C-alpha atoms as a PDB file:
ATOM      1  CA  MET A   1      30.993 -14.950 -11.535  1.00  0.00           C
ATOM      2  CA  LYS A   2      28.564 -17.000  -9.466  1.00  0.00           C
ATOM      3  CA  LYS A   3      25.979 -16.922 -12.280  1.00  0.00           C
ATOM      4  CA  ILE A   4      28.571 -18.130 -14.809  1.00  0.00           C
ATOM      5  CA  ILE A   5      29.610 -21.063 -12.601  1.00  0.00           C
ATOM      6  CA  THR A   6      25.969 -21.993 -12.002  1.00  0.00           C
ATOM      7  CA  SER A   7      25.220 -21.951 -15.740  1.00  0.00           C
ATOM      8  CA  ILE A   8      28.228 -24.200 -16.469  1.00  0.00           C
ATOM      9  CA  LEU A   9      27.134 -26.691 -13.801  1.00  0.00           C
ATOM     10  CA  ILE A  10      23.598 -26.800 -15.189  1.00  0.00           C
ATOM     11  CA  LEU A  11      24.931 -27.340 -18.716  1.00  0.00           C
ATOM     12  CA  LEU A  12      27.215 -30.173 -17.581  1.00  0.00           C
ATOM     13  CA  THR A  13      24.320 -31.804 -15.728  1.00  0.00           C
ATOM     14  CA  VAL A  14      22.115 -31.688 -18.823  1.00  0.00           C
ATOM     15  CA  VAL A  15      24.884 -33.073 -21.089  1.00  0.00           C
ATOM     16  CA  THR A  16      25.717 -35.849 -18.612  1.00  0.00           C
ATOM     17  CA  SER A  17      22.057 -36.788 -18.285  1.00  0.00           C
ATOM     18  CA  PHE A  18      21.678 -36.881 -22.081  1.00  0.00           C
ATOM     19  CA  TYR A  19      24.601 -39.240 -22.616  1.00  0.00           C
ATOM     20  CA  SER A  20      23.984 -41.439 -19.572  1.00  0.00           C
ATOM     21  CA  CYS A  21      20.263 -42.089 -20.026  1.00  0.00           C
ATOM     22  CA  ARG A  22      19.739 -43.675 -23.420  1.00  0.00           C
ATOM     23  CA  LYS A  23      16.686 -45.726 -24.195  1.00  0.00           C
ATOM     24  CA  ASN A  24      18.529 -49.033 -24.378  1.00  0.00           C
ATOM     25  CA  ASP A  25      20.575 -48.522 -21.209  1.00  0.00           C
ATOM     26  CA  ASN A  26      17.746 -49.321 -18.767  1.00  0.00           C
ATOM     27  CA  PRO A  27      18.087 -52.946 -17.634  1.00  0.00           C
ATOM     28  CA  LYS A  28      15.116 -55.119 -16.816  1.00  0.00           C
ATOM     29  CA  LEU A  29      14.312 -55.722 -13.181  1.00  0.00           C
ATOM     30  CA  PRO A  30      15.885 -58.930 -11.840  1.00  0.00           C
ATOM     31  CA  GLU A  31      13.666 -61.997 -11.639  1.00  0.00           C
ATOM     32  CA  GLY A  32      11.721 -62.216  -8.390  1.00  0.00           C
ATOM     33  CA  ILE A  33      11.346 -58.442  -8.099  1.00  0.00           C
ATOM     34  CA  GLN A  34       7.760 -57.272  -8.389  1.00  0.00           C
ATOM     35  CA  THR A  35       5.929 -53.997  -8.104  1.00  0.00           C
ATOM     36  CA  GLY A  36       4.547 -53.680  -4.600  1.00  0.00           C
ATOM     37  CA  VAL A  37       1.336 -52.283  -3.160  1.00  0.00           C
ATOM     38  CA  PHE A  38       1.795 -48.902  -1.495  1.00  0.00           C
ATOM     39  CA  PRO A  39      -1.128 -48.084   0.829  1.00  0.00           C
ATOM     40  CA  LEU A  40      -2.282 -44.516   1.403  1.00  0.00           C
ATOM     41  CA  LEU A  41      -4.097 -43.293   4.512  1.00  0.00           C
ATOM     42  CA  THR A  42      -5.719 -39.872   4.172  1.00  0.00           C
ATOM     43  CA  GLN A  43      -7.159 -38.053   7.175  1.00  0.00           C
ATOM     44  CA  ASP A  44     -10.732 -36.795   6.787  1.00  0.00           C
ATOM     45  CA  PRO A  45     -10.550 -33.013   7.318  1.00  0.00           C
ATOM     46  CA  ASN A  46     -13.839 -33.159   9.240  1.00  0.00           C
ATOM     47  CA  GLY A  47     -12.583 -35.776  11.693  1.00  0.00           C
ATOM     48  CA  ASP A  48     -10.798 -35.227  14.998  1.00  0.00           C
ATOM     49  CA  GLU A  49      -7.016 -35.170  14.805  1.00  0.00           C
ATOM     50  CA  LEU A  50      -6.275 -35.346  18.537  1.00  0.00           C
ATOM     51  CA  ILE A  51      -7.964 -37.260  21.353  1.00  0.00           C
ATOM     52  CA  GLN A  52      -9.012 -34.496  23.724  1.00  0.00           C
ATOM     53  CA  ASP A  53     -11.945 -36.429  25.204  1.00  0.00           C
ATOM     54  CA  VAL A  54     -11.864 -40.179  24.584  1.00  0.00           C
ATOM     55  CA  THR A  55     -15.629 -40.645  24.636  1.00  0.00           C
ATOM     56  CA  ALA A  56     -16.181 -37.675  22.313  1.00  0.00           C
ATOM     57  CA  PHE A  57     -13.344 -38.518  19.913  1.00  0.00           C
ATOM     58  CA  SER A  58     -14.646 -39.377  16.455  1.00  0.00           C
ATOM     59  CA  THR A  59     -12.582 -39.393  13.313  1.00  0.00           C
ATOM     60  CA  ALA A  60     -12.432 -40.848   9.831  1.00  0.00           C
ATOM     61  CA  PHE A  61      -9.860 -41.505   7.163  1.00  0.00           C
ATOM     62  CA  THR A  62      -9.670 -43.061   3.735  1.00  0.00           C
ATOM     63  CA  LEU A  63      -7.684 -46.234   3.092  1.00  0.00           C
ATOM     64  CA  GLY A  64      -6.559 -46.292  -0.511  1.00  0.00           C
ATOM     65  CA  LEU A  65      -3.644 -46.958  -2.836  1.00  0.00           C
ATOM     66  CA  TYR A  66      -0.916 -44.463  -3.674  1.00  0.00           C
ATOM     67  CA  TYR A  67      -0.563 -46.145  -7.077  1.00  0.00           C
ATOM     68  CA  PRO A  68      -3.674 -47.595  -8.759  1.00  0.00           C
ATOM     69  CA  ASN A  69      -1.898 -50.860  -9.571  1.00  0.00           C
ATOM     70  CA  PRO A  70      -1.232 -53.480  -8.442  1.00  0.00           C
ATOM     71  CA  VAL A  71      -4.270 -54.105  -6.249  1.00  0.00           C
ATOM     72  CA  PRO A  72      -3.876 -56.303  -3.147  1.00  0.00           C
ATOM     73  CA  GLN A  73      -6.030 -59.271  -2.232  1.00  0.00           C
ATOM     74  CA  LYS A  74      -7.014 -57.401   0.913  1.00  0.00           C
ATOM     75  CA  MET A  75      -5.860 -55.132   3.714  1.00  0.00           C
ATOM     76  CA  ASP A  76      -6.367 -55.557   7.461  1.00  0.00           C
ATOM     77  CA  LEU A  77      -6.156 -52.410   9.555  1.00  0.00           C
ATOM     78  CA  GLN A  78      -4.007 -52.900  12.642  1.00  0.00           C
ATOM     79  CA  VAL A  79      -3.428 -50.708  15.700  1.00  0.00           C
ATOM     80  CA  ILE A  80      -0.594 -50.402  18.192  1.00  0.00           C
ATOM     81  CA  MET A  81      -0.610 -48.333  21.384  1.00  0.00           C
ATOM     82  CA  ASN A  82       2.313 -46.203  22.528  1.00  0.00           C
ATOM     83  CA  GLY A  83       4.597 -47.645  19.867  1.00  0.00           C
ATOM     84  CA  ASN A  84       4.447 -51.203  21.250  1.00  0.00           C
ATOM     85  CA  TYR A  85       5.028 -53.422  18.201  1.00  0.00           C
ATOM     86  CA  GLN A  86       4.573 -56.574  20.264  1.00  0.00           C
ATOM     87  CA  VAL A  87       0.887 -55.921  20.936  1.00  0.00           C
ATOM     88  CA  VAL A  88      -1.032 -55.454  17.687  1.00  0.00           C
ATOM     89  CA  LYS A  89      -4.832 -55.308  17.538  1.00  0.00           C
ATOM     90  CA  THR A  90      -7.088 -55.541  14.489  1.00  0.00           C
ATOM     91  CA  LEU A  91      -9.324 -52.553  13.890  1.00  0.00           C
ATOM     92  CA  GLN A  92     -10.975 -53.803  10.684  1.00  0.00           C
ATOM     93  CA  ALA A  93     -10.192 -56.898   8.622  1.00  0.00           C
ATOM     94  CA  ASN A  94     -10.721 -58.052   5.042  1.00  0.00           C
ATOM     95  CA  ILE A  95     -10.908 -54.689   3.293  1.00  0.00           C
ATOM     96  CA  THR A  96     -10.995 -55.400  -0.444  1.00  0.00           C
ATOM     97  CA  SER A  97     -12.356 -52.181  -1.968  1.00  0.00           C
ATOM     98  CA  PHE A  98     -10.137 -49.135  -2.383  1.00  0.00           C
ATOM     99  CA  PRO A  99     -10.496 -46.377  -1.470  1.00  0.00           C
ATOM    100  CA  THR A 100     -12.598 -47.175   1.600  1.00  0.00           C
ATOM    101  CA  LYS A 101     -13.685 -44.722   4.285  1.00  0.00           C
ATOM    102  CA  ILE A 102     -12.963 -45.888   7.833  1.00  0.00           C
ATOM    103  CA  ASN A 103     -14.681 -44.426  10.903  1.00  0.00           C
ATOM    104  CA  VAL A 104     -13.040 -44.660  14.325  1.00  0.00           C
ATOM    105  CA  THR A 105     -14.058 -43.607  17.838  1.00  0.00           C
ATOM    106  CA  GLY A 106     -12.008 -43.115  20.969  1.00  0.00           C
ATOM    107  CA  THR A 107     -14.003 -45.702  22.870  1.00  0.00           C
ATOM    108  CA  GLN A 108     -13.357 -48.213  20.088  1.00  0.00           C
ATOM    109  CA  LEU A 109      -9.586 -47.657  20.275  1.00  0.00           C
ATOM    110  CA  ALA A 110      -9.567 -47.965  24.057  1.00  0.00           C
ATOM    111  CA  GLN A 111     -11.592 -51.184  24.028  1.00  0.00           C
ATOM    112  CA  LEU A 112      -9.180 -52.816  21.552  1.00  0.00           C
ATOM    113  CA  PHE A 113      -6.582 -52.721  24.336  1.00  0.00           C
ATOM    114  CA  GLY A 114      -8.942 -53.689  27.137  1.00  0.00           C
ATOM    115  CA  LEU A 115      -9.242 -50.147  28.480  1.00  0.00           C
ATOM    116  CA  THR A 116     -12.124 -47.973  29.520  1.00  0.00           C
ATOM    117  CA  PRO A 117     -12.090 -44.398  28.151  1.00  0.00           C
ATOM    118  CA  ASP A 118     -10.988 -42.963  31.502  1.00  0.00           C
ATOM    119  CA  GLN A 119      -7.944 -45.277  31.523  1.00  0.00           C
ATOM    120  CA  VAL A 120      -6.455 -43.612  28.439  1.00  0.00           C
ATOM    121  CA  ALA A 121      -3.978 -41.090  29.829  1.00  0.00           C
ATOM    122  CA  VAL A 122      -2.532 -37.904  28.413  1.00  0.00           C
ATOM    123  CA  GLY A 123       0.507 -38.924  26.370  1.00  0.00           C
ATOM    124  CA  ASP A 124      -0.974 -42.230  25.204  1.00  0.00           C
ATOM    125  CA  ASP A 125      -1.299 -42.660  21.448  1.00  0.00           C
ATOM    126  CA  PHE A 126      -2.733 -45.090  18.927  1.00  0.00           C
ATOM    127  CA  THR A 127      -1.086 -45.725  15.541  1.00  0.00           C
ATOM    128  CA  ILE A 128      -3.107 -47.280  12.734  1.00  0.00           C
ATOM    129  CA  GLY A 129      -1.602 -49.001   9.689  1.00  0.00           C
ATOM    130  CA  PRO A 130      -2.629 -51.733   7.237  1.00  0.00           C
ATOM    131  CA  ASP A 131      -1.304 -55.260   6.839  1.00  0.00           C
ATOM    132  CA  VAL A 132      -1.283 -55.776   3.069  1.00  0.00           C
ATOM    133  CA  THR A 133      -1.909 -59.188   1.506  1.00  0.00           C
ATOM    134  CA  LEU A 134      -0.567 -59.321  -2.051  1.00  0.00           C
ATOM    135  CA  GLN A 135      -2.157 -61.316  -4.828  1.00  0.00           C
ATOM    136  CA  ASP A 136       0.367 -64.153  -4.319  1.00  0.00           C
ATOM    137  CA  GLY A 137      -0.542 -64.382  -0.621  1.00  0.00           C
ATOM    138  CA  THR A 138       2.521 -62.546   0.698  1.00  0.00           C
ATOM    139  CA  VAL A 139       1.674 -60.421   3.725  1.00  0.00           C
ATOM    140  CA  ILE A 140       3.405 -57.085   4.323  1.00  0.00           C
ATOM    141  CA  HIS A 141       2.966 -56.307   8.002  1.00  0.00           C
ATOM    142  CA  ALA A 142       2.437 -52.720   9.118  1.00  0.00           C
ATOM    143  CA  PHE A 143       4.154 -53.266  12.470  1.00  0.00           C
ATOM    144  CA  ASP A 144       6.848 -55.867  11.900  1.00  0.00           C
ATOM    145  CA  TYR A 145       9.932 -56.021  14.123  1.00  0.00           C
ATOM    146  CA  TYR A 146      12.906 -58.093  15.240  1.00  0.00           C
ATOM    147  CA  LEU A 147      14.569 -58.553  18.632  1.00  0.00           C
ATOM    148  CA  ASP A 148      18.091 -57.366  19.309  1.00  0.00           C
ATOM    149  CA  GLY A 149      18.540 -59.154  22.610  1.00  0.00           C
ATOM    150  CA  THR A 150      15.514 -57.856  24.495  1.00  0.00           C
ATOM    151  CA  THR A 151      15.235 -54.662  22.452  1.00  0.00           C
ATOM    152  CA  VAL A 152      12.363 -54.426  19.981  1.00  0.00           C
ATOM    153  CA  VAL A 153      13.570 -52.979  16.675  1.00  0.00           C
ATOM    154  CA  PRO A 154      10.798 -51.901  14.261  1.00  0.00           C
ATOM    155  CA  ILE A 155      11.094 -52.922  10.619  1.00  0.00           C
ATOM    156  CA  SER A 156       9.674 -50.430   8.159  1.00  0.00           C
ATOM    157  CA  PRO A 157       7.721 -52.235   5.424  1.00  0.00           C
ATOM    158  CA  TYR A 158       8.520 -49.441   2.961  1.00  0.00           C
ATOM    159  CA  GLY A 159      11.750 -47.724   2.003  1.00  0.00           C
ATOM    160  CA  ALA A 160      12.588 -44.104   2.682  1.00  0.00           C
ATOM    161  CA  ASP A 161      12.307 -43.223  -1.011  1.00  0.00           C
ATOM    162  CA  ALA A 162       8.703 -44.420  -1.115  1.00  0.00           C
ATOM    163  CA  LEU A 163       7.788 -42.703   2.137  1.00  0.00           C
ATOM    164  CA  ASN A 164       9.240 -39.424   0.844  1.00  0.00           C
ATOM    165  CA  ASN A 165       6.865 -39.364  -2.121  1.00  0.00           C
ATOM    166  CA  PRO A 166       4.599 -36.272  -2.042  1.00  0.00           C
ATOM    167  CA  GLY A 167       1.508 -37.019   0.039  1.00  0.00           C
ATOM    168  CA  ALA A 168       2.667 -40.514   0.999  1.00  0.00           C
ATOM    169  CA  ASN A 169       1.239 -41.671   4.333  1.00  0.00           C
ATOM    170  CA  THR A 170       1.094 -45.303   5.456  1.00  0.00           C
ATOM    171  CA  THR A 171       0.042 -44.766   9.086  1.00  0.00           C
ATOM    172  CA  LEU A 172      -2.013 -42.358  11.180  1.00  0.00           C
ATOM    173  CA  THR A 173      -1.402 -41.621  14.865  1.00  0.00           C
ATOM    174  CA  TYR A 174      -3.962 -40.212  17.289  1.00  0.00           C
ATOM    175  CA  ALA A 175      -2.587 -38.941  20.597  1.00  0.00           C
ATOM    176  CA  LYS A 176      -4.386 -38.239  23.869  1.00  0.00           C
ATOM    177  CA  VAL A 177      -3.888 -34.623  24.902  1.00  0.00           C
ATOM    178  CA  CYS A 178      -5.378 -32.295  27.465  1.00  0.00           C
ATOM    179  CA  SER A 179      -8.692 -30.781  26.451  1.00  0.00           C
ATOM    180  CA  LEU A 180      -8.398 -27.276  25.075  1.00  0.00           C
ATOM    181  CA  ASP A 181     -10.413 -24.430  26.575  1.00  0.00           C
ATOM    182  CA  ILE A 182      -9.694 -21.212  24.681  1.00  0.00           C
ATOM    183  CA  ASP A 183     -10.865 -18.971  27.529  1.00  0.00           C
ATOM    184  CA  SER A 184      -8.478 -20.770  29.882  1.00  0.00           C
ATOM    185  CA  LEU A 185      -5.711 -20.555  27.305  1.00  0.00           C
ATOM    186  CA  ALA A 186      -6.175 -16.784  27.150  1.00  0.00           C
ATOM    187  CA  ASN A 187      -6.557 -16.506  30.952  1.00  0.00           C
ATOM    188  CA  VAL A 188      -9.886 -14.723  30.501  1.00  0.00           C
ATOM    189  CA  GLY A 189     -10.853 -15.464  34.116  1.00  0.00           C
ATOM    190  CA  ASN A 190      -7.930 -13.332  35.276  1.00  0.00           C
ATOM    191  CA  GLY A 191      -8.480 -10.414  32.956  1.00  0.00           C
ATOM    192  CA  GLY A 192      -6.587 -11.940  30.045  1.00  0.00           C
ATOM    193  CA  GLN A 193      -3.234 -11.284  31.663  1.00  0.00           C
ATOM    194  CA  LEU A 194      -0.477 -13.158  29.809  1.00  0.00           C
ATOM    195  CA  LEU A 195       3.266 -12.945  29.374  1.00  0.00           C
ATOM    196  CA  VAL A 196       5.166 -13.067  26.078  1.00  0.00           C
ATOM    197  CA  GLN A 197       8.595 -14.647  26.352  1.00  0.00           C
ATOM    198  CA  ASP A 198      10.500 -13.000  23.500  1.00  0.00           C
ATOM    199  CA  PRO A 199      14.265 -13.576  23.513  1.00  0.00           C
ATOM    200  CA  ASP A 200      14.833 -12.365  19.937  1.00  0.00           C
ATOM    201  CA  LEU A 201      12.736  -9.359  18.889  1.00  0.00           C
ATOM    202  CA  VAL A 202      12.201  -7.322  22.047  1.00  0.00           C
ATOM    203  CA  GLU A 203      14.651  -9.503  24.008  1.00  0.00           C
ATOM    204  CA  ALA A 204      12.442  -9.469  27.085  1.00  0.00           C
ATOM    205  CA  THR A 205       9.462 -11.066  28.785  1.00  0.00           C
ATOM    206  CA  TYR A 206       6.595  -8.588  28.887  1.00  0.00           C
ATOM    207  CA  PRO A 207       2.870  -8.496  29.741  1.00  0.00           C
ATOM    208  CA  VAL A 208       0.008  -8.426  27.249  1.00  0.00           C
ATOM    209  CA  THR A 209      -3.762  -8.431  27.642  1.00  0.00           C
ATOM    210  CA  ALA A 210      -5.749 -11.090  25.790  1.00  0.00           C
ATOM    211  CA  THR A 211      -9.313 -10.965  24.548  1.00  0.00           C
ATOM    212  CA  VAL A 212     -11.226 -13.830  22.942  1.00  0.00           C
ATOM    213  CA  THR A 213     -13.851 -13.823  20.202  1.00  0.00           C
ATOM    214  CA  ASP A 214     -14.874 -17.329  19.152  1.00  0.00           C
ATOM    215  CA  SER A 215     -11.526 -18.967  18.269  1.00  0.00           C
ATOM    216  CA  ILE A 216      -9.606 -15.700  17.837  1.00  0.00           C
ATOM    217  CA  ILE A 217      -7.206 -14.450  20.534  1.00  0.00           C
ATOM    218  CA  LYS A 218      -5.942 -10.874  20.371  1.00  0.00           C
ATOM    219  CA  LEU A 219      -2.892  -9.814  22.380  1.00  0.00           C
ATOM    220  CA  LYS A 220      -2.810  -6.087  23.134  1.00  0.00           C
ATOM    221  CA  GLY A 221       0.487  -4.487  24.126  1.00  0.00           C
ATOM    222  CA  TYR A 222       2.414  -6.761  21.797  1.00  0.00           C
ATOM    223  CA  SER A 223       6.151  -6.055  21.409  1.00  0.00           C
ATOM    224  CA  GLU A 224       5.862  -3.674  24.382  1.00  0.00           C
ATOM    225  CA  MET A 225       3.910  -1.233  22.192  1.00  0.00           C
ATOM    226  CA  PRO A 226       0.781  -0.158  24.153  1.00  0.00           C
ATOM    227  CA  ASN A 227      -1.588  -0.111  21.172  1.00  0.00           C
ATOM    228  CA  MET A 228      -0.052  -2.913  19.085  1.00  0.00           C
ATOM    229  CA  VAL A 229      -2.250  -6.011  18.690  1.00  0.00           C
ATOM    230  CA  LEU A 230      -1.260  -9.503  17.539  1.00  0.00           C
ATOM    231  CA  THR A 231      -4.179 -11.598  16.277  1.00  0.00           C
ATOM    232  CA  ILE A 232      -3.930 -15.381  16.675  1.00  0.00           C
ATOM    233  CA  ARG A 233      -6.358 -17.889  15.166  1.00  0.00           C
ATOM    234  CA  VAL A 234      -6.781 -21.090  17.204  1.00  0.00           C
ATOM    235  CA  ILE A 235      -7.569 -24.391  15.447  1.00  0.00           C
ATOM    236  CA  PRO A 236      -9.107 -26.388  18.330  1.00  0.00           C
ATOM    237  CA  LYS A 237      -9.213 -29.874  16.771  1.00  0.00           C
ATOM    238  CA  SER A 238      -5.481 -29.872  16.008  1.00  0.00           C
ATOM    239  CA  GLN A 239      -4.478 -27.540  18.864  1.00  0.00           C
ATOM    240  CA  THR A 240      -2.500 -25.463  16.422  1.00  0.00           C
ATOM    241  CA  LEU A 241      -2.255 -21.720  15.865  1.00  0.00           C
ATOM    242  CA  VAL A 242      -2.258 -19.558  12.765  1.00  0.00           C
ATOM    243  CA  VAL A 243      -1.015 -15.987  12.637  1.00  0.00           C
ATOM    244  CA  ASP A 244      -2.415 -14.760   9.360  1.00  0.00           C
ATOM    245  CA  LYS A 245      -0.295 -12.108   7.690  1.00  0.00           C
ATOM    246  CA  GLN A 246      -1.104  -8.825   9.393  1.00  0.00           C
ATOM    247  CA  PHE A 247       0.110  -5.285   9.799  1.00  0.00           C
ATOM    248  CA  LEU A 248       1.340  -4.589  13.324  1.00  0.00           C
ATOM    249  CA  GLY A 249       2.270  -0.942  13.156  1.00  0.00           C
ATOM    250  CA  PRO A 250       4.607   1.632  11.631  1.00  0.00           C
ATOM    251  CA  THR A 251       7.410   1.173  14.179  1.00  0.00           C
ATOM    252  CA  ILE A 252       8.651  -0.957  17.090  1.00  0.00           C
ATOM    253  CA  ASP A 253      10.719   0.689  19.801  1.00  0.00           C
ATOM    254  CA  GLY A 254      14.422   0.011  19.483  1.00  0.00           C
ATOM    255  CA  TYR A 255      14.326  -0.439  15.705  1.00  0.00           C
ATOM    256  CA  SER A 256      14.650   2.060  12.860  1.00  0.00           C
ATOM    257  CA  TYR A 257      12.732  -0.170  10.436  1.00  0.00           C
ATOM    258  CA  THR A 258       9.282   0.868   9.256  1.00  0.00           C
ATOM    259  CA  ASN A 259       5.880  -0.742   8.647  1.00  0.00           C
ATOM    260  CA  TRP A 260       6.032  -4.046  10.515  1.00  0.00           C
ATOM    261  CA  ASN A 261       4.127  -7.108   9.299  1.00  0.00           C
ATOM    262  CA  VAL A 262       4.068 -10.614  10.721  1.00  0.00           C
ATOM    263  CA  VAL A 263       2.947 -14.093   9.678  1.00  0.00           C
ATOM    264  CA  GLY A 264       3.367 -17.443  11.369  1.00  0.00           C
ATOM    265  CA  THR A 265       2.124 -20.652  12.923  1.00  0.00           C
ATOM    266  CA  GLY A 266       2.145 -22.225  16.342  1.00  0.00           C
ATOM    267  CA  THR A 267       1.090 -24.952  18.710  1.00  0.00           C
ATOM    268  CA  VAL A 268      -0.847 -25.157  21.964  1.00  0.00           C
ATOM    269  CA  ASN A 269      -0.008 -27.089  25.099  1.00  0.00           C
ATOM    270  CA  ALA A 270      -3.455 -27.322  26.649  1.00  0.00           C
ATOM    271  CA  CYS A 271      -2.096 -29.012  29.787  1.00  0.00           C
ATOM    272  CA  ASN A 272      -0.299 -25.871  30.936  1.00  0.00           C
ATOM    273  CA  ASN A 273      -2.099 -23.321  28.720  1.00  0.00           C
ATOM    274  CA  THR A 274       0.923 -22.147  26.757  1.00  0.00           C
ATOM    275  CA  MET A 275       1.189 -21.041  23.131  1.00  0.00           C
ATOM    276  CA  THR A 276       4.393 -21.453  21.142  1.00  0.00           C
ATOM    277  CA  LEU A 277       4.614 -19.224  18.080  1.00  0.00           C
ATOM    278  CA  LYS A 278       7.011 -19.353  15.145  1.00  0.00           C
ATOM    279  CA  LEU A 279       6.867 -15.915  13.532  1.00  0.00           C
ATOM    280  CA  THR A 280       8.391 -14.201  10.521  1.00  0.00           C
ATOM    281  CA  PHE A 281       8.527 -10.406  10.512  1.00  0.00           C
ATOM    282  CA  SER A 282       8.903  -8.147   7.487  1.00  0.00           C
ATOM    283  CA  VAL A 283       9.413  -4.407   7.126  1.00  0.00           C
ATOM    284  CA  ASP A 284       9.865  -1.936   4.297  1.00  0.00           C
ATOM    285  CA  GLN A 285      13.572  -2.666   4.363  1.00  0.00           C
ATOM    286  CA  GLY A 286      13.308  -6.473   4.124  1.00  0.00           C
ATOM    287  CA  SER A 287      12.464  -9.466   6.307  1.00  0.00           C
ATOM    288  CA  PHE A 288      13.871 -11.336   9.297  1.00  0.00           C
ATOM    289  CA  ALA A 289      14.573 -15.017   9.893  1.00  0.00           C
ATOM    290  CA  PRO A 290      11.783 -16.832  11.778  1.00  0.00           C
ATOM    291  CA  ILE A 291      11.835 -16.512  15.559  1.00  0.00           C
ATOM    292  CA  THR A 292      10.065 -18.354  18.378  1.00  0.00           C
ATOM    293  CA  GLN A 293       7.980 -16.703  21.077  1.00  0.00           C
ATOM    294  CA  THR A 294       6.109 -18.373  23.936  1.00  0.00           C
ATOM    295  CA  VAL A 295       2.935 -17.001  25.508  1.00  0.00           C
ATOM    296  CA  VAL A 296       2.352 -18.168  29.099  1.00  0.00           C
ATOM    297  CA  HIS A 297       0.281 -17.417  32.157  1.00  0.00           C
ATOM    298  CA  PRO A 298       1.915 -15.158  34.761  1.00  0.00           C
END
């Protein structure tokens, strides 16, 4: 029954589309409406994504156009700090060639706002976006706003439909975070003793022992199974985690399911050395909805 209803709905959609979208039914755009420039900022995969050490931070991105036409007169890259639209600094002006690679350092960002590197605190962030000057001289500001009383209300220069285009990205934000030390994260100095907070699978908080090889952390005693090991890959520059699909073991106590596999992702809080994992488990009998586990120091 459900398949029949679905087929009817699809057929009606196709018929409606056929009769409602004829060649001559598309009106011209009203006068005064013009195709706009849609900038595209693309992070260089080799550049830093987080500011862990301001003086060491070095990144790059490409400033280009999502659509090849029209081309603007120029773009000026602007920066705001901590979302303050009332203080805008120019990173690089008069960019007329697209795409253009832009290099940025942490010291450079700090100096734009009159700060020394040590004055940039954890939680601070810098957002970069371009002011676009169209061929007719109109300027589309990256960080425009209006005041509602004393409240600053940001004005997005682009609509939600444009921003939801695949790969669309008109700004980049770089946040100051605590520096990541993988040995500290895994508590190597204290024998690798960690706790897994697991409210869903085992429904308990239990100890594991961590070992580190390069950027790989292995947790032995996972799911309260003495010989079960969960392997986690740490991505230091983004402070993210990857749990590549892996076989855990034939069984987990308390379950009748067989041949457990897991895959997932996660994030690191380097300030308090915690790992938050979002994991999906599968067994011979099927798979489970994703669950969240947190790995902390005792």
